[in-house]
Structures are given as C-alpha cells and as structure tokens.
Protein backbone atom coordinates (compact mmCIF):
# COMPACT_ATOMS: atom_id res chain seq x y z
CA MET A 1 14.53 10.16 -9.55
CA ILE A 2 11.80 8.27 -7.76
CA ARG A 3 8.54 8.28 -9.67
CA SER A 4 5.08 8.73 -8.20
CA LEU A 5 4.76 7.11 -4.77
CA ALA A 6 1.40 5.54 -5.39
CA LEU A 7 2.26 4.20 -8.80
CA ALA A 8 5.53 2.77 -7.56
CA ALA A 9 4.01 1.02 -4.58
CA ALA A 10 2.76 -1.81 -6.80
CA LEU A 11 6.27 -2.69 -7.80
CA VAL A 12 7.50 -2.40 -4.25
CA LEU A 13 4.93 -4.98 -3.30
CA THR A 14 6.02 -7.39 -5.99
CA THR A 15 9.79 -6.91 -6.20
CA ALA A 16 11.05 -5.79 -2.80
CA PRO A 17 11.37 -8.25 0.07
CA ALA A 18 8.75 -8.05 2.80
CA LEU A 19 9.39 -5.15 5.14
CA ALA A 20 10.02 -5.68 8.82
CA GLN A 21 7.21 -4.44 11.01
CA THR A 22 9.05 -1.60 12.71
CA ALA A 23 6.25 0.94 12.75
CA ALA A 24 3.80 1.23 15.61
CA PRO A 25 0.53 -0.57 14.96
CA ALA A 26 -2.29 1.46 13.50
CA PRO A 27 -4.98 2.53 15.94
CA ALA A 28 -7.86 0.10 16.27
CA ALA A 29 -10.72 0.94 13.95
CA ALA A 30 -14.28 1.23 15.16
CA SER A 31 -15.14 -1.88 13.12
CA ASP A 32 -13.57 -5.32 13.20
CA ALA A 33 -11.62 -4.65 10.01
CA LYS A 34 -8.16 -6.19 10.01
CA PHE A 35 -6.77 -3.52 7.67
CA THR A 36 -7.71 0.02 6.62
CA VAL A 37 -6.02 2.90 4.82
CA ASP A 38 -4.66 3.87 8.23
CA THR A 39 -2.56 0.68 8.44
CA THR A 40 1.11 1.24 7.57
CA MET A 41 2.45 0.04 4.26
CA ALA A 42 4.92 -2.17 6.14
CA GLU A 43 2.06 -3.98 7.87
CA LEU A 44 0.12 -4.30 4.62
CA ILE A 45 3.09 -5.68 2.74
CA ALA A 46 3.86 -8.15 5.54
CA ASP A 47 0.41 -9.77 5.24
CA PRO A 48 -0.02 -12.03 2.18
CA GLN A 49 -3.69 -11.14 1.61
CA ALA A 50 -3.20 -7.40 2.06
CA LYS A 51 -0.08 -7.46 -0.13
CA VAL A 52 -2.10 -8.91 -3.02
CA VAL A 53 -4.92 -6.38 -2.57
CA VAL A 54 -2.62 -3.36 -2.31
CA GLY A 55 -0.37 -4.61 -5.11
CA ALA A 56 -3.28 -5.06 -7.52
CA PHE A 57 -4.73 -1.66 -6.56
CA PHE A 58 -1.50 0.26 -7.16
CA GLU A 59 -0.61 -1.73 -10.29
CA LYS A 60 -4.00 -0.81 -11.79
CA ARG A 61 -3.33 2.87 -11.00
CA ARG A 62 0.20 2.69 -12.44
CA ILE A 63 -1.07 1.23 -15.69
CA ALA A 64 -3.95 3.72 -15.92
CA ALA A 65 -1.50 6.60 -15.48
CA GLY A 66 0.83 5.16 -18.11
CA ALA A 67 3.77 5.15 -15.70
CA PRO A 68 6.70 2.87 -16.50
CA PRO A 69 7.73 0.11 -14.11
CA MET A 70 10.42 0.91 -11.55
CA THR A 71 13.77 -0.79 -11.30
CA PRO A 72 14.35 -3.16 -8.36
CA GLU A 73 16.70 -0.58 -6.85
CA GLU A 74 14.04 2.14 -7.03
CA SER A 75 11.46 -0.23 -5.57
CA ALA A 76 13.70 -1.16 -2.64
CA GLY A 77 14.43 2.48 -1.89
CA LEU A 78 10.76 3.37 -2.05
CA ALA A 79 9.86 0.48 0.24
CA GLU A 80 12.16 1.91 2.89
CA MET A 81 10.72 5.41 2.45
CA ILE A 82 7.03 4.53 2.65
CA GLY A 83 7.04 1.58 5.06
CA GLY A 84 6.07 3.71 8.05
CA LEU A 85 3.33 5.58 6.19
CA SER A 86 -0.26 4.54 5.71
CA PRO A 87 -2.02 4.86 2.35
CA ARG A 88 -3.99 7.79 3.84
CA GLN A 89 -0.70 9.52 4.70
CA LEU A 90 0.68 8.78 1.22
CA ALA A 91 -2.38 10.50 -0.26
CA GLU A 92 -1.20 13.77 1.28
CA PHE A 93 1.66 13.84 -1.25
CA PRO A 94 0.58 15.09 -4.70
CA GLN A 95 3.00 12.63 -6.34
CA ALA A 96 0.99 9.75 -4.88
CA ASN A 97 -1.91 10.48 -7.25
CA LEU A 98 -4.40 9.29 -4.62
CA ASP A 99 -7.56 11.38 -4.49
CA ASP A 100 -10.37 10.88 -1.98
CA ALA A 101 -12.16 8.41 -4.26
CA ALA A 102 -9.03 6.28 -4.62
CA VAL A 103 -8.44 6.28 -0.87
CA ALA A 104 -12.07 5.25 -0.28
CA GLU A 105 -11.79 2.49 -2.89
CA LEU A 106 -8.61 1.12 -1.30
CA ASP A 107 -10.14 1.36 2.18
CA ALA A 108 -13.14 -0.73 1.06
CA LEU A 109 -10.82 -3.33 -0.48
CA LEU A 110 -8.69 -3.52 2.67
CA ARG A 111 -11.70 -3.72 5.01
CA ALA A 112 -13.01 -6.66 2.96
CA ILE A 113 -9.98 -8.77 3.89
CA PRO A 114 -11.20 -11.27 6.48
CA ALA A 115 -9.79 -10.89 9.97
CA GLN A 116 -9.33 -14.65 10.24
CA PRO A 117 -8.45 -16.94 7.34
CA ALA A 118 -11.33 -19.17 6.32
CA GLY A 119 -10.84 -22.77 7.20
C-alpha cells in the first residue's frame, strides 16, 4: 500500500527518474517567482534546483513523521500518480500531511529559487 503522499514525495524525487512534463503549465503568478506551490510536481522534479528544494522539504517531513523509506517500485508508482498535481493540490489529501503552515513554508522555499541561474 502506498504510504503518505507527502512523505513519499522525497523518495520519488531522489529515486525515480525525472518525469516528463506532460501537465499544462501552472498559471503565471502575480510575482516573478519561477516556482510556487501551484506548480506541478512534474515541473518541480524536472528542474534541478526545485528538485533539491522539494526533495529536502519532503524528506524532512518524512523523517519528522517517522515514516519508513519507500521502495523504488513504490516511488515510481507514486511519481506517476502525483506528477500532474501541485503541492497545493496534494495538501487536499489527508494522507499528504501538509497543513497550511507546511504549504506556506514550501511556497516560500520555492519562490526563493531564482528565475535565472546566477552567472
């Protein structure tokens, strides 16, 4: 059985191959933020900077909840299931263990990712 969506997302980010960007792009935010909690998981995972941010966020939550790591098979299946959903949409599922504070924290982390790489 697939464990908590939010807690498993960290392993999806580290063990599953990058997802193809098949979902429609997220609506443009009022700010110049490259990513927000309204960006799909597939888009987040496809970007190296966002993948690190989201992976660290969900890994921290998995550890705090005491959830065991997922198998590669579970991670791959979960990646397919959640690729078209945004973190905000995932928060609607109780299994995701994402309250308003967690969504706000992740949104701030994602908005801090620079739109253009420094260089």
